[in-house]
Every structure is written in C-alpha cells, then in structure tokens.
Amino acid sequence: MKILLFFQNTHAVIKAEKAINSKGIEYQIMPVPTNISAECGMCIEINSADYPIAQECLEQEAITFQQILLK
C-alpha cells in the first residue's frame, strides 16, 4: 500500500523531501491527485511500511503534514 503525504506549501514539500531522503526512504514527489484536491500542489508518495520512520523524521523536523492511505 501507498501513503500520500500532504503539506501546506511547496517549501514544506522540499524540506520534507530532504528529511525523508536522509533516512533512505523511497519516495516520489507528485502532483496532488485531482480527486483529492482541486488546488494546485505537490505531495510525497511513500510505501506504508516506511510511514513510521517518515512520521518520526518529519515530526523531529517540525514539518506539518497530513496523510492519506491509498489501496
């Protein structure tokens, strides 16, 4: 399963990308799917197995995010 991580702005996406990448987590930056939000924006897709590490990493860096589980 995949998880999408959503952020307040592009700056936060870039900061999160650096943090997640430093932990060796595989990720993909992608546009927010239009069925989730009509607003323009970017999100990060990760494997659900990597979520606990990513969550801890982002919280330590004080990066605010929301997540949606995809099947």
C-alpha atoms as a PDB file:
ATOM      1  CA  MET A   1       0.000   0.000   0.000  1.00  0.00           C
ATOM      2  CA  LYS A   2       0.999   3.592  -0.541  1.00  0.00           C
ATOM      3  CA  ILE A   3       0.576   6.687   1.589  1.00  0.00           C
ATOM      4  CA  LEU A   4       0.370  10.239   0.301  1.00  0.00           C
ATOM      5  CA  LEU A   5       1.832  12.951   2.492  1.00  0.00           C
ATOM      6  CA  PHE A   6       0.353  16.432   2.032  1.00  0.00           C
ATOM      7  CA  PHE A   7       1.985  19.692   3.094  1.00  0.00           C
ATOM      8  CA  GLN A   8       0.972  23.336   3.462  1.00  0.00           C
ATOM      9  CA  ASN A   9       3.202  24.599   0.667  1.00  0.00           C
ATOM     10  CA  THR A  10       5.968  23.717  -1.764  1.00  0.00           C
ATOM     11  CA  HIS A  11       8.655  24.869   0.672  1.00  0.00           C
ATOM     12  CA  ALA A  12       7.465  22.246   3.170  1.00  0.00           C
ATOM     13  CA  VAL A  13       7.487  19.569   0.443  1.00  0.00           C
ATOM     14  CA  ILE A  14      11.128  20.355  -0.357  1.00  0.00           C
ATOM     15  CA  LYS A  15      12.080  20.334   3.334  1.00  0.00           C
ATOM     16  CA  ALA A  16      10.235  17.024   3.823  1.00  0.00           C
ATOM     17  CA  GLU A  17      11.908  15.522   0.760  1.00  0.00           C
ATOM     18  CA  LYS A  18      15.347  16.253   2.220  1.00  0.00           C
ATOM     19  CA  ALA A  19      14.380  14.764   5.583  1.00  0.00           C
ATOM     20  CA  ILE A  20      12.834  11.617   4.084  1.00  0.00           C
ATOM     21  CA  ASN A  21      15.716  11.158   1.659  1.00  0.00           C
ATOM     22  CA  SER A  22      18.221  11.372   4.539  1.00  0.00           C
ATOM     23  CA  LYS A  23      16.544   8.285   6.083  1.00  0.00           C
ATOM     24  CA  GLY A  24      16.868   6.282   2.859  1.00  0.00           C
ATOM     25  CA  ILE A  25      13.120   6.060   2.318  1.00  0.00           C
ATOM     26  CA  GLU A  26      11.961   5.512  -1.254  1.00  0.00           C
ATOM     27  CA  TYR A  27       9.547   8.266  -2.267  1.00  0.00           C
ATOM     28  CA  GLN A  28       8.055  10.034  -5.224  1.00  0.00           C
ATOM     29  CA  ILE A  29       7.062  13.680  -5.456  1.00  0.00           C
ATOM     30  CA  MET A  30       3.885  14.053  -7.454  1.00  0.00           C
ATOM     31  CA  PRO A  31       1.010  16.465  -8.054  1.00  0.00           C
ATOM     32  CA  VAL A  32      -1.882  16.168  -5.627  1.00  0.00           C
ATOM     33  CA  PRO A  33      -4.470  13.941  -7.356  1.00  0.00           C
ATOM     34  CA  THR A  34      -7.443  15.977  -8.574  1.00  0.00           C
ATOM     35  CA  ASN A  35      -9.895  13.553  -6.954  1.00  0.00           C
ATOM     36  CA  ILE A  36      -8.396  14.526  -3.573  1.00  0.00           C
ATOM     37  CA  SER A  37      -7.993  18.274  -4.055  1.00  0.00           C
ATOM     38  CA  ALA A  38      -8.694  20.713  -6.878  1.00  0.00           C
ATOM     39  CA  GLU A  39      -5.968  23.012  -5.597  1.00  0.00           C
ATOM     40  CA  CYS A  40      -2.606  23.033  -7.286  1.00  0.00           C
ATOM     41  CA  GLY A  41       0.054  21.407  -5.161  1.00  0.00           C
ATOM     42  CA  MET A  42       2.572  18.679  -4.663  1.00  0.00           C
ATOM     43  CA  CYS A  43       2.616  15.684  -2.338  1.00  0.00           C
ATOM     44  CA  ILE A  44       5.009  12.860  -1.481  1.00  0.00           C
ATOM     45  CA  GLU A  45       4.116   9.214  -2.004  1.00  0.00           C
ATOM     46  CA  ILE A  46       5.785   6.566   0.179  1.00  0.00           C
ATOM     47  CA  ASN A  47       5.234   2.905   0.964  1.00  0.00           C
ATOM     48  CA  SER A  48       3.034   2.356   4.010  1.00  0.00           C
ATOM     49  CA  ALA A  49       5.789   0.227   5.592  1.00  0.00           C
ATOM     50  CA  ASP A  50       8.042   3.316   5.639  1.00  0.00           C
ATOM     51  CA  TYR A  51       5.437   5.549   7.246  1.00  0.00           C
ATOM     52  CA  PRO A  52       6.529   5.140  10.905  1.00  0.00           C
ATOM     53  CA  ILE A  53      10.090   6.210  10.056  1.00  0.00           C
ATOM     54  CA  ALA A  54       8.889   9.085   7.865  1.00  0.00           C
ATOM     55  CA  GLN A  55       6.425  10.251  10.523  1.00  0.00           C
ATOM     56  CA  GLU A  56       9.089  10.322  13.218  1.00  0.00           C
ATOM     57  CA  CYS A  57      11.548  12.068  10.927  1.00  0.00           C
ATOM     58  CA  LEU A  58       9.065  14.773   9.878  1.00  0.00           C
ATOM     59  CA  GLU A  59       7.910  15.355  13.445  1.00  0.00           C
ATOM     60  CA  GLN A  60      11.529  15.771  14.600  1.00  0.00           C
ATOM     61  CA  GLU A  61      12.000  18.383  11.869  1.00  0.00           C
ATOM     62  CA  ALA A  62       8.708  20.095  12.891  1.00  0.00           C
ATOM     63  CA  ILE A  63       7.275  19.625   9.397  1.00  0.00           C
ATOM     64  CA  THR A  64       3.466  19.672   9.486  1.00  0.00           C
ATOM     65  CA  PHE A  65       1.751  17.166   7.220  1.00  0.00           C
ATOM     66  CA  GLN A  66      -1.362  15.092   6.677  1.00  0.00           C
ATOM     67  CA  GLN A  67      -1.522  11.579   5.285  1.00  0.00           C
ATOM     68  CA  ILE A  68      -3.964   9.561   3.208  1.00  0.00           C
ATOM     69  CA  LEU A  69      -3.709   5.789   2.852  1.00  0.00           C
ATOM     70  CA  LEU A  70      -4.138   4.513  -0.693  1.00  0.00           C
ATOM     71  CA  LYS A  71      -5.044   0.930  -1.511  1.00  0.00           C
END
